[in-house]
Amino acid sequence: MNKKNKKILYFECFSGISGDMTVASLLDLGADEGKLRGALDSLGMEDEFDIRIGRTKKCGIDACTFDVMLKEQQDDGHVHNEDIPHHSHAQNEDGLHHGYVHSGDVAHHSHAYSEDGAYHGHVHNEDGPHHSHAHNEDGLHHGHAHHGRNIQDVYEIIDRLEGQENVKERARSMFRVVAEAESRAHGIPVEEVHFHEVGAVDSIVDIISTAVCLEDIGADEIVFSELYEGSGHVKCRHGVLPVPVPAVLNIVQEHKLLLHRLDVQGEMVTPTGAAIAAASATSQKLPGNCRILRTGTGAGKKDFDHANILRTMLMEAEAEEPGGTLVVLEANMDDCTGEALGYTMEQLLGAGARDVWYVPAYMKKNRPAYILNVLTEEGKREEMESLIFKHTTTIGIRRHEVLRTAMQRRYGKVETRFGEAEVKACMFGGRTEYYPEYESIRKLCEASGAGFQEVFSETVKAAEAASGGTESGEKDIEWMERMGQ
């Protein structure tokens, strides 16, 4: 049976991650720019933004750029430098991270908080001020007033998107992660979190663009490296915040993302970037061996001593043989009842463990004991460990990787004179062996009154006859693979 090689999309976040870096990197990787522009056009927001896609160099490395240019800022009478992208991650020469680019001395940070804790730039409580542009020292708002968009308003924009439903759902999931993080940061319900009308446009475009590009790349698995984050503080309109900012911390904590701190002054992971990683990752680990098919490089707006880029790699991993690499969990128990051990085995198998078994042992003071063994995938390890701690008396679990050679397996049904029986075909080295499923044989025995061995052997013969013998296993049975064996 031929196995399909798996395409894996890997995000190398050694300089953090933001929405614009993600889109730029995916475009450079090969995502269709025409499809992206068509999808954004379908949102009906042409009066609010344009996008600009270009090239730049970071520490001599060529990289793609993706900028959201807010039309209101271009038309509102403010002075802009044409060489500076009008984007939520733009900076001025002093290195501060500003929400919008303006002339003057007032720095408006995209994650700015006032002294009373109100969030200025993206998120507002309904009772809070809605700031779209810079304020002077008297606190007056200079520019146009706007209402805020809550999460439902954002969902309605996403629903306008022309395309597959899974693209919309991916975008909703990313925005939901951001909204939940802001809700927790400000101590208000998710429904009351308001994204400022101008500030939210950047995030909406970045997130929808990411969803469209991910769909176009079409990877089977998506893996993110640890998120490299800077240190120090970010200067805001009314004060100073530590890096990572609260929303990023909430996302990292809630979704168990790996964070790697660097001795680099400044913010490298934005809430949008963290949300993309939290909502998109399908695995935490790359296969041991894979081929790199294509690479993409997206540039960030800041300049550091290192190249401020997000690199993506489209990889191909050869389909694993049925055995592959698995994890064995072990726990010694000399004070756990037989009932608890039996129940634990049922729970582990029900949760998808490949196998569970007990080995008798003697522990300290010659106490009779059992060693619990669980065979599982690395991706299910934490769930299995949680079940073991929950249902047994152990206080520690050992683990190690094992390599397993296993026969390929297919499952089907055959007709016997006792009735329909389920059977498993196991193939290796050009030979096929047939093993009837126990529960199926048991039911036929109870219904017919026949002996177990009689029904079992009859089922094997029926499977061999229907399949044309033991060499092919292909003829008349409609076989199917069953994952997780």
Protein backbone atom coordinates (compact mmCIF):
# COMPACT_ATOMS: atom_id res chain seq x y z
CA MET A 1 0.00 0.00 0.00
CA ASN A 2 1.48 3.35 -1.06
CA LYS A 3 1.73 6.03 1.59
CA LYS A 4 1.40 9.71 0.78
CA ASN A 5 4.31 11.93 1.81
CA LYS A 6 3.31 14.64 4.25
CA LYS A 7 3.78 18.37 3.56
CA ILE A 8 4.81 20.30 6.66
CA LEU A 9 4.87 24.09 6.99
CA TYR A 10 7.47 25.21 9.51
CA PHE A 11 7.68 28.71 11.01
CA GLU A 12 11.14 29.62 12.27
CA CYS A 13 10.35 32.42 14.74
CA PHE A 14 13.92 33.28 15.78
CA SER A 15 13.06 36.99 15.54
CA GLY A 16 9.55 36.72 16.89
CA ILE A 17 6.38 36.84 14.84
CA SER A 18 3.83 39.45 13.79
CA GLY A 19 0.93 39.47 11.38
CA ASP A 20 2.69 41.39 8.60
CA MET A 21 5.83 39.23 8.87
CA THR A 22 3.68 36.10 8.59
CA VAL A 23 1.86 37.23 5.45
CA ALA A 24 5.07 38.44 3.82
CA SER A 25 6.83 35.15 4.52
CA LEU A 26 3.95 33.06 3.16
CA LEU A 27 3.80 35.19 0.00
CA ASP A 28 7.54 34.71 -0.44
CA LEU A 29 7.04 30.98 0.09
CA GLY A 30 4.67 30.86 -2.86
CA ALA A 31 1.18 31.81 -1.71
CA ASP A 32 -0.75 33.33 -4.63
CA GLU A 33 -0.80 37.14 -4.43
CA GLY A 34 -3.72 37.29 -6.87
CA LYS A 35 -5.84 35.05 -4.66
CA LEU A 36 -4.97 37.16 -1.64
CA ARG A 37 -5.92 40.44 -3.32
CA GLY A 38 -9.15 38.90 -4.59
CA ALA A 39 -10.05 37.70 -1.11
CA LEU A 40 -9.35 41.11 0.44
CA ASP A 41 -11.39 42.83 -2.27
CA SER A 42 -14.37 40.68 -1.30
CA LEU A 43 -14.40 42.22 2.20
CA GLY A 44 -15.88 45.46 0.89
CA MET A 45 -13.34 47.57 2.81
CA GLU A 46 -11.71 49.27 -0.17
CA ASP A 47 -12.35 52.71 1.37
CA GLU A 48 -10.36 51.77 4.49
CA PHE A 49 -7.07 50.27 3.34
CA ASP A 50 -4.68 49.30 0.59
CA ILE A 51 -1.92 46.71 0.77
CA ARG A 52 1.61 47.07 -0.49
CA ILE A 53 3.86 44.09 -1.21
CA GLY A 54 7.53 44.68 -1.84
CA ARG A 55 11.11 43.71 -1.03
CA THR A 56 13.70 44.90 1.47
CA LYS A 57 16.92 43.70 3.07
CA LYS A 58 17.48 42.85 6.73
CA CYS A 59 21.15 42.45 7.67
CA GLY A 60 21.78 41.84 3.99
CA ILE A 61 19.08 39.15 3.69
CA ASP A 62 16.50 39.73 0.96
CA ALA A 63 12.95 39.51 2.30
CA CYS A 64 9.37 40.19 1.30
CA THR A 65 7.40 43.01 2.92
CA PHE A 66 3.65 43.27 3.49
CA ASP A 67 2.18 46.62 4.53
CA VAL A 68 -1.36 47.68 5.30
CA MET A 69 -1.84 51.33 4.33
CA LEU A 70 -4.83 52.93 6.03
CA LYS A 71 -6.54 55.26 3.60
CA GLU A 72 -7.91 57.53 6.31
CA GLN A 73 -4.40 58.31 7.48
CA GLN A 74 -3.46 59.14 3.93
CA ASP A 75 -6.45 61.46 3.53
CA ASP A 76 -6.88 63.00 6.98
CA GLY A 77 -4.47 65.87 6.56
CA HIS A 78 -1.63 64.33 8.62
CA VAL A 79 1.88 64.49 7.25
CA HIS A 80 3.36 61.13 6.27
CA ASN A 81 6.69 60.17 4.88
CA GLU A 82 6.07 58.16 1.71
CA ASP A 83 8.97 55.87 2.54
CA ILE A 84 7.44 54.77 5.84
CA PRO A 85 4.67 52.15 5.62
CA HIS A 86 1.45 53.26 7.31
CA HIS A 87 1.16 50.10 9.32
CA SER A 88 0.41 49.12 12.87
CA HIS A 89 4.00 47.95 13.31
CA ALA A 90 5.74 51.04 11.89
CA GLN A 91 8.54 52.75 13.76
CA ASN A 92 10.19 56.11 13.84
CA GLU A 93 13.93 56.57 14.02
CA ASP A 94 14.09 56.31 17.80
CA GLY A 95 13.10 52.65 17.53
CA LEU A 96 9.79 52.99 19.31
CA HIS A 97 7.00 50.75 18.11
CA HIS A 98 4.13 53.03 17.09
CA GLY A 99 0.58 52.20 16.21
CA TYR A 100 0.40 54.89 13.54
CA VAL A 101 2.99 57.12 11.96
CA HIS A 102 2.51 60.86 12.54
CA SER A 103 4.57 63.98 12.46
CA GLY A 104 5.21 65.55 15.83
CA ASP A 105 6.74 64.34 19.06
CA VAL A 106 3.87 62.24 20.39
CA ALA A 107 4.49 58.49 20.12
CA HIS A 108 1.28 56.49 19.74
CA HIS A 109 2.01 52.83 20.49
CA SER A 110 -0.07 50.04 19.03
CA HIS A 111 -0.24 48.44 22.47
CA ALA A 112 -0.47 51.68 24.45
CA TYR A 113 -2.11 51.73 27.85
CA SER A 114 -3.13 54.80 29.78
CA GLU A 115 -2.33 55.24 33.44
CA ASP A 116 -5.78 53.97 34.39
CA GLY A 117 -5.16 50.77 32.48
CA ALA A 118 -7.31 51.54 29.45
CA TYR A 119 -5.89 50.11 26.26
CA HIS A 120 -5.34 52.69 23.51
CA GLY A 121 -4.61 51.66 19.96
CA HIS A 122 -6.54 48.44 19.45
CA VAL A 123 -8.85 47.60 22.31
CA HIS A 124 -11.28 49.71 24.30
CA ASN A 125 -13.98 49.14 26.82
CA GLU A 126 -17.26 50.59 25.56
CA ASP A 127 -16.96 53.34 28.14
CA GLY A 128 -13.37 54.12 27.29
CA PRO A 129 -12.04 56.72 24.85
CA HIS A 130 -11.62 55.72 21.22
CA HIS A 131 -8.30 57.12 20.01
CA SER A 132 -7.36 56.80 16.39
CA HIS A 133 -4.61 59.39 16.18
CA ALA A 134 -2.07 61.17 18.35
CA HIS A 135 -3.06 63.46 21.20
CA ASN A 136 -1.25 66.53 22.38
CA GLU A 137 -0.26 67.10 25.95
CA ASP A 138 -3.63 68.52 26.93
CA GLY A 139 -5.15 65.15 26.16
CA LEU A 140 -7.38 66.44 23.37
CA HIS A 141 -8.06 64.14 20.46
CA HIS A 142 -6.84 65.48 17.10
CA GLY A 143 -8.39 63.60 14.21
CA HIS A 144 -11.64 61.84 13.51
CA ALA A 145 -13.73 60.01 16.09
CA HIS A 146 -14.70 56.40 15.42
CA HIS A 147 -16.81 53.75 17.00
CA GLY A 148 -15.17 50.51 18.04
CA ARG A 149 -15.61 47.09 16.47
CA ASN A 150 -16.35 44.22 18.82
CA ILE A 151 -15.65 40.58 18.07
CA GLN A 152 -19.04 40.06 16.42
CA ASP A 153 -18.41 43.01 14.08
CA VAL A 154 -15.10 41.43 13.10
CA TYR A 155 -16.80 38.08 12.48
CA GLU A 156 -19.28 39.80 10.16
CA ILE A 157 -16.38 41.20 8.14
CA ILE A 158 -14.77 37.76 7.96
CA ASP A 159 -18.08 36.26 6.80
CA ARG A 160 -17.97 38.49 3.70
CA LEU A 161 -14.84 36.69 2.58
CA GLU A 162 -15.25 34.80 -0.66
CA GLY A 163 -13.75 31.38 -0.27
CA GLN A 164 -13.94 28.14 1.60
CA GLU A 165 -15.54 28.00 5.02
CA ASN A 166 -12.40 26.59 6.62
CA VAL A 167 -10.54 29.80 5.67
CA LYS A 168 -13.17 31.86 7.48
CA GLU A 169 -13.08 29.54 10.48
CA ARG A 170 -9.30 29.79 10.68
CA ALA A 171 -9.53 33.60 10.65
CA ARG A 172 -12.26 33.58 13.33
CA SER A 173 -10.13 31.33 15.53
CA MET A 174 -7.14 33.66 15.30
CA PHE A 175 -9.18 36.74 16.15
CA ARG A 176 -10.90 34.91 18.97
CA VAL A 177 -7.51 34.16 20.52
CA VAL A 178 -6.64 37.87 20.42
CA ALA A 179 -10.01 38.89 21.87
CA GLU A 180 -9.77 36.39 24.72
CA ALA A 181 -6.26 37.59 25.57
CA GLU A 182 -7.39 41.23 25.65
CA SER A 183 -10.47 40.27 27.66
CA ARG A 184 -8.27 38.68 30.28
CA ALA A 185 -5.84 41.61 30.28
CA HIS A 186 -8.60 44.15 30.91
CA GLY A 187 -10.89 42.07 33.09
CA ILE A 188 -13.94 42.39 30.84
CA PRO A 189 -16.05 39.83 28.92
CA VAL A 190 -14.91 38.96 25.39
CA GLU A 191 -18.10 40.47 23.97
CA GLU A 192 -17.22 43.84 25.54
CA VAL A 193 -13.74 44.01 24.07
CA HIS A 194 -13.76 46.68 21.38
CA PHE A 195 -11.13 46.96 18.68
CA HIS A 196 -10.68 50.52 17.49
CA GLU A 197 -12.04 51.00 13.98
CA VAL A 198 -8.73 52.11 12.51
CA GLY A 199 -6.44 50.04 14.70
CA ALA A 200 -8.45 46.88 14.07
CA VAL A 201 -8.08 47.14 10.31
CA ASP A 202 -4.42 46.11 10.51
CA SER A 203 -5.22 43.00 12.52
CA ILE A 204 -8.23 42.10 10.38
CA VAL A 205 -6.19 42.31 7.19
CA ASP A 206 -3.17 40.48 8.66
CA ILE A 207 -5.28 37.65 10.06
CA ILE A 208 -7.51 37.16 7.01
CA SER A 209 -4.46 37.34 4.74
CA THR A 210 -2.72 34.70 6.84
CA ALA A 211 -5.75 32.40 6.65
CA VAL A 212 -5.97 32.80 2.86
CA CYS A 213 -2.25 32.18 2.37
CA LEU A 214 -2.21 29.13 4.65
CA GLU A 215 -5.06 27.61 2.67
CA ASP A 216 -3.25 28.28 -0.59
CA ILE A 217 -0.02 26.67 0.67
CA GLY A 218 -2.06 23.59 1.64
CA ALA A 219 0.26 21.98 4.19
CA ASP A 220 -0.79 18.81 6.00
CA GLU A 221 0.84 19.92 9.25
CA ILE A 222 1.87 23.33 10.63
CA VAL A 223 4.69 23.59 13.17
CA PHE A 224 6.04 26.68 14.94
CA SER A 225 9.41 26.94 16.62
CA GLU A 226 9.61 28.55 20.04
CA LEU A 227 8.69 32.24 19.86
CA TYR A 228 11.79 34.36 20.38
CA GLU A 229 10.89 37.51 22.31
CA GLY A 230 12.84 40.58 23.30
CA SER A 231 13.18 42.08 26.74
CA GLY A 232 13.09 45.43 28.42
CA HIS A 233 10.14 47.77 28.06
CA VAL A 234 8.03 49.51 25.44
CA LYS A 235 7.25 53.19 25.79
CA CYS A 236 3.60 54.10 25.48
CA ARG A 237 1.63 57.34 25.44
CA HIS A 238 1.04 57.31 29.21
CA GLY A 239 3.79 55.11 30.52
CA VAL A 240 6.00 52.07 30.13
CA LEU A 241 5.09 48.37 29.83
CA PRO A 242 7.34 45.33 30.18
CA VAL A 243 7.96 43.03 27.24
CA PRO A 244 6.12 40.74 26.49
CA VAL A 245 3.00 42.90 26.63
CA PRO A 246 0.02 41.49 28.61
CA ALA A 247 -1.92 40.15 25.60
CA VAL A 248 1.09 38.18 24.34
CA LEU A 249 1.72 36.75 27.80
CA ASN A 250 -1.91 35.65 28.06
CA ILE A 251 -1.79 33.88 24.69
CA VAL A 252 1.50 32.16 25.45
CA GLN A 253 0.22 30.99 28.83
CA GLU A 254 -3.24 29.88 27.69
CA HIS A 255 -2.08 27.98 24.62
CA LYS A 256 1.15 26.58 26.10
CA LEU A 257 3.41 28.17 23.48
CA LEU A 258 7.17 28.00 24.03
CA LEU A 259 8.73 31.41 24.66
CA HIS A 260 12.46 32.03 24.37
CA ARG A 261 13.67 35.32 25.87
CA LEU A 262 16.54 37.20 24.24
CA ASP A 263 18.70 39.99 25.58
CA VAL A 264 17.37 42.27 22.85
CA GLN A 265 15.65 45.50 23.74
CA GLY A 266 12.21 45.70 22.21
CA GLU A 267 9.06 43.80 21.37
CA MET A 268 9.42 40.96 18.86
CA VAL A 269 6.16 39.02 19.35
CA THR A 270 2.89 40.88 18.75
CA PRO A 271 -0.54 39.69 19.94
CA THR A 272 -1.55 39.03 16.33
CA GLY A 273 1.58 36.97 15.73
CA ALA A 274 1.11 34.97 18.92
CA ALA A 275 -2.54 34.36 18.01
CA ILE A 276 -1.55 33.06 14.57
CA ALA A 277 0.78 30.53 16.19
CA ALA A 278 -1.76 29.53 18.84
CA ALA A 279 -4.61 28.98 16.38
CA SER A 280 -2.64 27.43 13.50
CA ALA A 281 -0.19 24.94 14.99
CA THR A 282 -1.15 21.31 14.46
CA SER A 283 2.00 19.80 15.98
CA GLN A 284 4.79 20.94 18.27
CA LYS A 285 7.55 18.86 16.76
CA LEU A 286 9.11 18.36 13.34
CA PRO A 287 9.77 14.85 12.03
CA GLY A 288 13.31 13.62 12.40
CA ASN A 289 14.00 13.69 8.66
CA CYS A 290 12.42 15.83 5.97
CA ARG A 291 13.24 17.53 2.68
CA ILE A 292 12.96 21.30 2.27
CA LEU A 293 10.89 22.07 -0.82
CA ARG A 294 10.67 25.87 -0.61
CA THR A 295 11.54 28.68 1.77
CA GLY A 296 10.01 32.11 2.33
CA THR A 297 11.31 35.14 4.20
CA GLY A 298 9.16 37.95 5.61
CA ALA A 299 10.64 41.17 6.97
CA GLY A 300 9.66 42.92 10.17
CA LYS A 301 9.63 46.70 10.47
CA LYS A 302 12.22 46.99 13.23
CA ASP A 303 15.99 46.79 12.86
CA PHE A 304 18.00 44.73 15.34
CA ASP A 305 21.58 43.50 15.40
CA HIS A 306 20.19 40.25 14.01
CA ALA A 307 18.10 39.88 10.85
CA ASN A 308 14.52 40.76 11.81
CA ILE A 309 12.87 38.17 9.60
CA LEU A 310 10.36 35.36 9.87
CA ARG A 311 11.38 32.36 7.82
CA THR A 312 8.95 29.70 6.63
CA MET A 313 9.87 26.36 5.13
CA LEU A 314 7.64 23.98 3.21
CA MET A 315 8.97 20.53 3.94
CA GLU A 316 8.18 17.02 2.82
CA ALA A 317 8.39 14.17 5.27
CA GLU A 318 8.40 10.65 3.93
CA ALA A 319 5.38 8.66 5.02
CA GLU A 320 6.22 6.70 8.10
CA GLU A 321 6.00 2.97 8.13
CA PRO A 322 3.21 1.59 10.33
CA GLY A 323 5.65 1.29 13.23
CA GLY A 324 7.59 4.52 13.39
CA THR A 325 8.73 6.31 16.54
CA LEU A 326 6.52 6.07 19.61
CA VAL A 327 6.82 6.89 23.31
CA VAL A 328 6.65 4.42 26.18
CA LEU A 329 5.47 5.74 29.56
CA GLU A 330 6.28 3.76 32.70
CA ALA A 331 5.11 4.09 36.29
CA ASN A 332 5.76 1.82 39.31
CA MET A 333 2.91 1.36 41.82
CA ASP A 334 2.86 -0.72 44.99
CA ASP A 335 -0.16 0.93 46.63
CA CYS A 336 -2.78 1.01 43.87
CA THR A 337 -5.80 -1.30 43.88
CA GLY A 338 -6.55 -3.75 41.10
CA GLU A 339 -9.83 -1.94 40.40
CA ALA A 340 -8.01 1.36 39.88
CA LEU A 341 -5.43 -0.28 37.63
CA GLY A 342 -8.12 -1.89 35.49
CA TYR A 343 -10.05 1.38 35.20
CA THR A 344 -6.88 3.27 34.28
CA MET A 345 -6.17 0.84 31.45
CA GLU A 346 -9.68 1.37 30.08
CA GLN A 347 -9.29 5.14 30.21
CA LEU A 348 -5.90 5.10 28.50
CA LEU A 349 -7.06 2.82 25.69
CA GLY A 350 -10.21 4.89 25.28
CA ALA A 351 -8.09 8.03 24.91
CA GLY A 352 -6.11 6.51 22.04
CA ALA A 353 -3.13 4.73 23.60
CA ARG A 354 -1.61 2.25 21.18
CA ASP A 355 -1.26 -0.35 23.93
CA VAL A 356 -1.35 -0.61 27.72
CA TRP A 357 0.07 -3.42 29.85
CA TYR A 358 1.15 -4.22 33.40
CA VAL A 359 4.26 -6.09 34.50
CA PRO A 360 4.47 -7.61 38.02
CA ALA A 361 7.42 -6.37 40.05
CA TYR A 362 8.85 -6.13 43.56
CA MET A 363 9.73 -2.73 44.95
CA LYS A 364 11.46 -1.52 48.10
CA LYS A 365 10.79 -3.53 51.27
CA ASN A 366 9.85 -6.45 48.97
CA ARG A 367 6.43 -4.99 48.30
CA PRO A 368 4.61 -6.62 45.36
CA ALA A 369 3.88 -4.00 42.71
CA TYR A 370 2.96 -3.40 39.10
CA ILE A 371 4.75 -1.44 36.39
CA LEU A 372 2.27 0.36 34.15
CA ASN A 373 3.43 0.64 30.52
CA VAL A 374 1.72 2.83 27.93
CA LEU A 375 2.66 2.93 24.24
CA THR A 376 1.56 6.18 22.59
CA GLU A 377 2.48 8.98 20.18
CA GLU A 378 4.41 11.99 21.43
CA GLY A 379 1.44 14.21 20.59
CA LYS A 380 -0.73 12.31 23.08
CA ARG A 381 1.88 11.98 25.79
CA GLU A 382 0.66 14.82 28.02
CA GLU A 383 -2.93 13.55 27.88
CA MET A 384 -1.80 10.04 28.85
CA GLU A 385 0.33 11.35 31.70
CA SER A 386 -2.60 13.37 32.98
CA LEU A 387 -4.81 10.25 33.03
CA ILE A 388 -2.16 8.24 34.85
CA PHE A 389 -1.74 10.87 37.56
CA LYS A 390 -5.51 11.28 37.84
CA HIS A 391 -6.46 7.62 38.26
CA THR A 392 -3.46 6.00 39.96
CA THR A 393 -1.29 6.58 43.04
CA THR A 394 1.97 7.14 41.16
CA ILE A 395 3.88 10.37 41.71
CA GLY A 396 6.29 10.01 38.79
CA ILE A 397 6.29 8.77 35.20
CA ARG A 398 9.32 7.74 33.14
CA ARG A 399 9.31 8.06 29.36
CA HIS A 400 11.51 7.08 26.45
CA GLU A 401 11.21 6.89 22.67
CA VAL A 402 11.11 3.52 20.95
CA LEU A 403 11.35 2.47 17.32
CA ARG A 404 8.77 -0.08 16.26
CA THR A 405 8.47 -2.26 13.17
CA ALA A 406 4.85 -3.16 12.53
CA MET A 407 2.87 -4.92 9.85
CA GLN A 408 0.61 -2.78 7.70
CA ARG A 409 -3.01 -3.28 8.65
CA ARG A 410 -6.40 -3.14 6.97
CA TYR A 411 -9.81 -3.88 8.30
CA GLY A 412 -12.80 -5.37 6.50
CA LYS A 413 -15.88 -7.59 6.83
CA VAL A 414 -16.55 -11.05 5.42
CA GLU A 415 -19.63 -13.23 5.22
CA THR A 416 -19.49 -16.60 6.97
CA ARG A 417 -22.17 -19.23 7.54
CA PHE A 418 -22.49 -17.83 11.06
CA GLY A 419 -23.00 -14.26 9.86
CA GLU A 420 -20.90 -11.22 9.06
CA ALA A 421 -17.52 -11.04 10.82
CA GLU A 422 -14.91 -8.32 11.10
CA VAL A 423 -11.38 -9.28 10.19
CA LYS A 424 -7.96 -7.63 10.24
CA ALA A 425 -5.45 -8.20 7.43
CA CYS A 426 -1.78 -7.74 8.39
CA MET A 427 0.78 -7.41 5.61
CA PHE A 428 4.57 -7.62 5.67
CA GLY A 429 7.16 -8.81 3.15
CA GLY A 430 4.53 -9.68 0.53
CA ARG A 431 2.56 -11.96 2.82
CA THR A 432 -0.85 -11.36 4.41
CA GLU A 433 -2.18 -12.88 7.61
CA TYR A 434 -5.84 -12.65 8.69
CA TYR A 435 -6.96 -12.14 12.27
CA PRO A 436 -10.68 -12.04 13.12
CA GLU A 437 -11.70 -9.35 15.64
CA TYR A 438 -12.48 -10.84 19.04
CA GLU A 439 -15.72 -8.95 19.71
CA SER A 440 -17.08 -9.93 16.32
CA ILE A 441 -16.32 -13.62 16.94
CA ARG A 442 -17.81 -13.47 20.43
CA LYS A 443 -21.11 -12.08 19.13
CA LEU A 444 -21.35 -14.77 16.44
CA CYS A 445 -20.66 -17.48 19.02
CA GLU A 446 -23.39 -16.18 21.30
CA ALA A 447 -25.87 -15.87 18.43
CA SER A 448 -25.18 -19.28 16.87
CA GLY A 449 -24.10 -21.40 19.83
CA ALA A 450 -21.02 -22.52 17.90
CA GLY A 451 -17.60 -22.88 19.50
CA PHE A 452 -15.05 -20.09 19.45
CA GLN A 453 -12.40 -21.99 17.49
CA GLU A 454 -14.94 -23.09 14.90
CA VAL A 455 -16.17 -19.54 14.21
CA PHE A 456 -12.61 -18.18 14.29
CA SER A 457 -11.21 -20.65 11.74
CA GLU A 458 -14.29 -20.25 9.52
CA THR A 459 -13.74 -16.47 9.45
CA VAL A 460 -10.06 -16.86 8.49
CA LYS A 461 -10.99 -19.20 5.63
CA ALA A 462 -13.69 -16.81 4.42
CA ALA A 463 -11.24 -13.89 4.43
CA GLU A 464 -8.62 -15.88 2.50
CA ALA A 465 -11.17 -17.02 -0.07
CA ALA A 466 -12.61 -13.53 -0.56
CA SER A 467 -9.14 -12.06 -0.94
CA GLY A 468 -7.79 -14.60 -3.36
CA GLY A 469 -5.37 -16.22 -0.95
CA THR A 470 -2.75 -15.05 1.51
CA GLU A 471 -0.42 -13.34 -0.98
CA SER A 472 -2.54 -10.47 -2.31
CA GLY A 473 -5.23 -9.67 0.21
CA GLU A 474 -6.96 -7.44 -2.33
CA LYS A 475 -9.69 -9.25 -4.20
CA ASP A 476 -13.27 -9.03 -2.91
CA ILE A 477 -13.09 -7.37 0.50
CA GLU A 478 -13.46 -3.62 0.76
CA TRP A 479 -10.51 -2.93 3.01
CA MET A 480 -9.92 0.27 4.94
CA GLU A 481 -7.06 1.64 6.99
CA ARG A 482 -7.65 2.31 10.64
CA MET A 483 -5.36 4.98 12.03
CA GLY A 484 -3.68 4.75 15.39
CA GLN A 485 -2.62 1.12 15.34
